[in-house]
C-alpha atoms as a PDB file:
ATOM      1  CA  MET A   1     -18.168-119.433 -14.657  1.00  0.00           C
ATOM      2  CA  TYR A   2     -19.840-122.031 -12.454  1.00  0.00           C
ATOM      3  CA  ALA A   3     -21.169-121.890  -8.918  1.00  0.00           C
ATOM      4  CA  ARG A   4     -21.825-124.463  -6.248  1.00  0.00           C
ATOM      5  CA  LEU A   5     -24.434-123.583  -3.655  1.00  0.00           C
ATOM      6  CA  THR A   6     -24.368-125.440  -0.360  1.00  0.00           C
ATOM      7  CA  LYS A   7     -27.196-124.838   2.094  1.00  0.00           C
ATOM      8  CA  ILE A   8     -26.591-125.771   5.704  1.00  0.00           C
ATOM      9  CA  GLN A   9     -28.635-125.589   8.868  1.00  0.00           C
ATOM     10  CA  ILE A  10     -26.707-125.065  12.099  1.00  0.00           C
ATOM     11  CA  ASP A  11     -27.399-124.587  15.768  1.00  0.00           C
ATOM     12  CA  VAL A  12     -27.847-120.807  16.221  1.00  0.00           C
ATOM     13  CA  ASP A  13     -25.574-120.916  19.269  1.00  0.00           C
ATOM     14  CA  LYS A  14     -22.751-122.260  17.093  1.00  0.00           C
ATOM     15  CA  PHE A  15     -22.844-119.547  14.431  1.00  0.00           C
ATOM     16  CA  ASP A  16     -19.550-117.887  15.388  1.00  0.00           C
ATOM     17  CA  GLU A  17     -17.796-121.247  15.543  1.00  0.00           C
ATOM     18  CA  THR A  18     -19.160-122.133  12.093  1.00  0.00           C
ATOM     19  CA  SER A  19     -18.170-118.781  10.594  1.00  0.00           C
ATOM     20  CA  ASP A  20     -14.643-118.973  12.045  1.00  0.00           C
ATOM     21  CA  LEU A  21     -14.143-122.527  10.784  1.00  0.00           C
ATOM     22  CA  PHE A  22     -15.364-121.472   7.344  1.00  0.00           C
ATOM     23  CA  LYS A  23     -12.864-118.582   7.168  1.00  0.00           C
ATOM     24  CA  LYS A  24      -9.927-120.559   8.558  1.00  0.00           C
ATOM     25  CA  SER A  25     -10.454-123.837   6.727  1.00  0.00           C
ATOM     26  CA  VAL A  26     -12.747-123.698   3.689  1.00  0.00           C
ATOM     27  CA  VAL A  27     -11.430-120.465   2.183  1.00  0.00           C
ATOM     28  CA  PRO A  28      -7.713-121.424   2.181  1.00  0.00           C
ATOM     29  CA  ALA A  29      -8.468-124.975   0.989  1.00  0.00           C
ATOM     30  CA  PHE A  30     -10.563-123.749  -1.923  1.00  0.00           C
ATOM     31  CA  LYS A  31      -8.110-120.966  -2.824  1.00  0.00           C
ATOM     32  CA  ALA A  32      -5.517-123.690  -3.420  1.00  0.00           C
ATOM     33  CA  GLN A  33      -7.743-125.363  -6.023  1.00  0.00           C
ATOM     34  CA  LYS A  34      -7.430-124.742  -9.768  1.00  0.00           C
ATOM     35  CA  GLY A  35     -10.146-122.488 -11.152  1.00  0.00           C
ATOM     36  CA  TYR A  36     -11.258-121.014  -7.822  1.00  0.00           C
ATOM     37  CA  ARG A  37     -12.825-117.559  -8.329  1.00  0.00           C
ATOM     38  CA  GLY A  38     -14.304-116.677  -4.938  1.00  0.00           C
ATOM     39  CA  ILE A  39     -16.710-117.636  -2.210  1.00  0.00           C
ATOM     40  CA  PHE A  40     -19.636-116.148  -0.291  1.00  0.00           C
ATOM     41  CA  PHE A  41     -20.924-117.235   3.116  1.00  0.00           C
ATOM     42  CA  MET A  42     -24.371-115.820   3.892  1.00  0.00           C
ATOM     43  CA  ALA A  43     -26.497-116.470   6.936  1.00  0.00           C
ATOM     44  CA  ASP A  44     -29.691-115.840   8.798  1.00  0.00           C
ATOM     45  CA  ARG A  45     -28.209-115.908  12.301  1.00  0.00           C
ATOM     46  CA  LYS A  46     -31.622-116.083  13.999  1.00  0.00           C
ATOM     47  CA  LYS A  47     -32.659-119.221  12.078  1.00  0.00           C
ATOM     48  CA  GLY A  48     -29.227-120.852  11.758  1.00  0.00           C
ATOM     49  CA  GLU A  49     -29.608-121.023   7.966  1.00  0.00           C
ATOM     50  CA  CYS A  50     -26.434-120.559   5.946  1.00  0.00           C
ATOM     51  CA  LEU A  51     -25.684-120.471   2.242  1.00  0.00           C
ATOM     52  CA  CYS A  52     -22.238-120.921   0.774  1.00  0.00           C
ATOM     53  CA  ILE A  53     -21.659-120.082  -2.878  1.00  0.00           C
ATOM     54  CA  SER A  54     -18.277-120.955  -4.355  1.00  0.00           C
ATOM     55  CA  LEU A  55     -17.342-119.746  -7.835  1.00  0.00           C
ATOM     56  CA  TRP A  56     -15.214-121.663 -10.354  1.00  0.00           C
ATOM     57  CA  ASP A  57     -13.815-120.848 -13.801  1.00  0.00           C
ATOM     58  CA  THR A  58     -15.268-123.955 -15.447  1.00  0.00           C
ATOM     59  CA  GLU A  59     -17.621-126.790 -14.660  1.00  0.00           C
ATOM     60  CA  GLU A  60     -14.581-129.078 -14.810  1.00  0.00           C
ATOM     61  CA  ASP A  61     -12.883-127.036 -12.049  1.00  0.00           C
ATOM     62  CA  LEU A  62     -15.990-127.288  -9.867  1.00  0.00           C
ATOM     63  CA  VAL A  63     -16.197-131.053 -10.425  1.00  0.00           C
ATOM     64  CA  ALA A  64     -12.448-131.446  -9.833  1.00  0.00           C
ATOM     65  CA  ASN A  65     -12.855-129.727  -6.447  1.00  0.00           C
ATOM     66  CA  GLU A  66     -15.343-132.424  -5.487  1.00  0.00           C
ATOM     67  CA  GLU A  67     -13.423-135.315  -7.054  1.00  0.00           C
ATOM     68  CA  SER A  68     -10.245-134.295  -5.223  1.00  0.00           C
ATOM     69  CA  LEU A  69     -12.301-134.752  -2.043  1.00  0.00           C
ATOM     70  CA  SER A  70     -11.489-131.199  -0.930  1.00  0.00           C
ATOM     71  CA  TYR A  71     -15.205-130.368  -0.713  1.00  0.00           C
ATOM     72  CA  GLN A  72     -15.976-133.493   1.329  1.00  0.00           C
ATOM     73  CA  GLU A  73     -12.974-132.943   3.616  1.00  0.00           C
ATOM     74  CA  GLN A  74     -14.312-129.511   4.465  1.00  0.00           C
ATOM     75  CA  LEU A  75     -17.869-130.757   5.078  1.00  0.00           C
ATOM     76  CA  ILE A  76     -16.586-133.352   7.532  1.00  0.00           C
ATOM     77  CA  LYS A  77     -15.136-130.566   9.708  1.00  0.00           C
ATOM     78  CA  PHE A  78     -18.648-129.134  10.137  1.00  0.00           C
ATOM     79  CA  LEU A  79     -20.532-132.359  10.978  1.00  0.00           C
ATOM     80  CA  ASP A  80     -20.879-131.535  14.675  1.00  0.00           C
ATOM     81  CA  LEU A  81     -22.310-128.114  13.790  1.00  0.00           C
ATOM     82  CA  PHE A  82     -25.043-129.225  11.352  1.00  0.00           C
ATOM     83  CA  THR A  83     -28.605-129.748  12.552  1.00  0.00           C
ATOM     84  CA  GLU A  84     -29.657-131.140   9.135  1.00  0.00           C
ATOM     85  CA  SER A  85     -27.868-132.705   6.178  1.00  0.00           C
ATOM     86  CA  PRO A  86     -26.373-130.119   3.815  1.00  0.00           C
ATOM     87  CA  ILE A  87     -27.924-129.559   0.394  1.00  0.00           C
ATOM     88  CA  ARG A  88     -25.580-129.093  -2.584  1.00  0.00           C
ATOM     89  CA  GLU A  89     -26.472-127.753  -6.031  1.00  0.00           C
ATOM     90  CA  GLY A  90     -24.464-126.605  -9.044  1.00  0.00           C
ATOM     91  CA  TYR A  91     -25.241-123.764 -11.436  1.00  0.00           C
ATOM     92  CA  GLU A  92     -23.820-122.025 -14.458  1.00  0.00           C
ATOM     93  CA  VAL A  93     -23.329-118.318 -13.796  1.00  0.00           C
ATOM     94  CA  VAL A  94     -25.170-116.772 -16.723  1.00  0.00           C
ATOM     95  CA  PHE A  95     -24.801-113.131 -15.705  1.00  0.00           C
ATOM     96  CA  GLN A  96     -23.100-111.127 -12.998  1.00  0.00           C
ATOM     97  CA  ASP A  97     -22.851-107.462 -12.109  1.00  0.00           C
ATOM     98  CA  ARG A  98     -20.612-106.294  -9.292  1.00  0.00           C
ATOM     99  CA  ILE A  99     -20.273-102.864  -7.781  1.00  0.00           C
ATOM    100  CA  PHE A 100     -18.157-103.866  -4.783  1.00  0.00           C
ATOM    101  CA  SER A 101     -14.518-104.786  -4.411  1.00  0.00           C
ATOM    102  CA  PRO A 102     -13.900-108.297  -3.074  1.00  0.00           C
ATOM    103  CA  ASP A 103     -11.705-108.625   0.018  1.00  0.00           C
END
């Protein structure tokens, strides 16, 4: 499994708007992509720091998500909410342990 981490910095007053847009736009768009395995959106509301981790079956699926421009199309929707340029990194998931049920 592979993961893409995107770190964003937003205006703290726009947190709810950012979270709603993420749920209504990013999640459905990524769910439609081959190899999608899940997504996490984590935040420090007081600082406006957010981390998004999307999970993909293979590195090829992760890359295909970017090459299809789906990733970029979603980022564009957030441009007015960012206070800094987003940072994107990719990782291989070497180990995982879950004790919760995903929604």
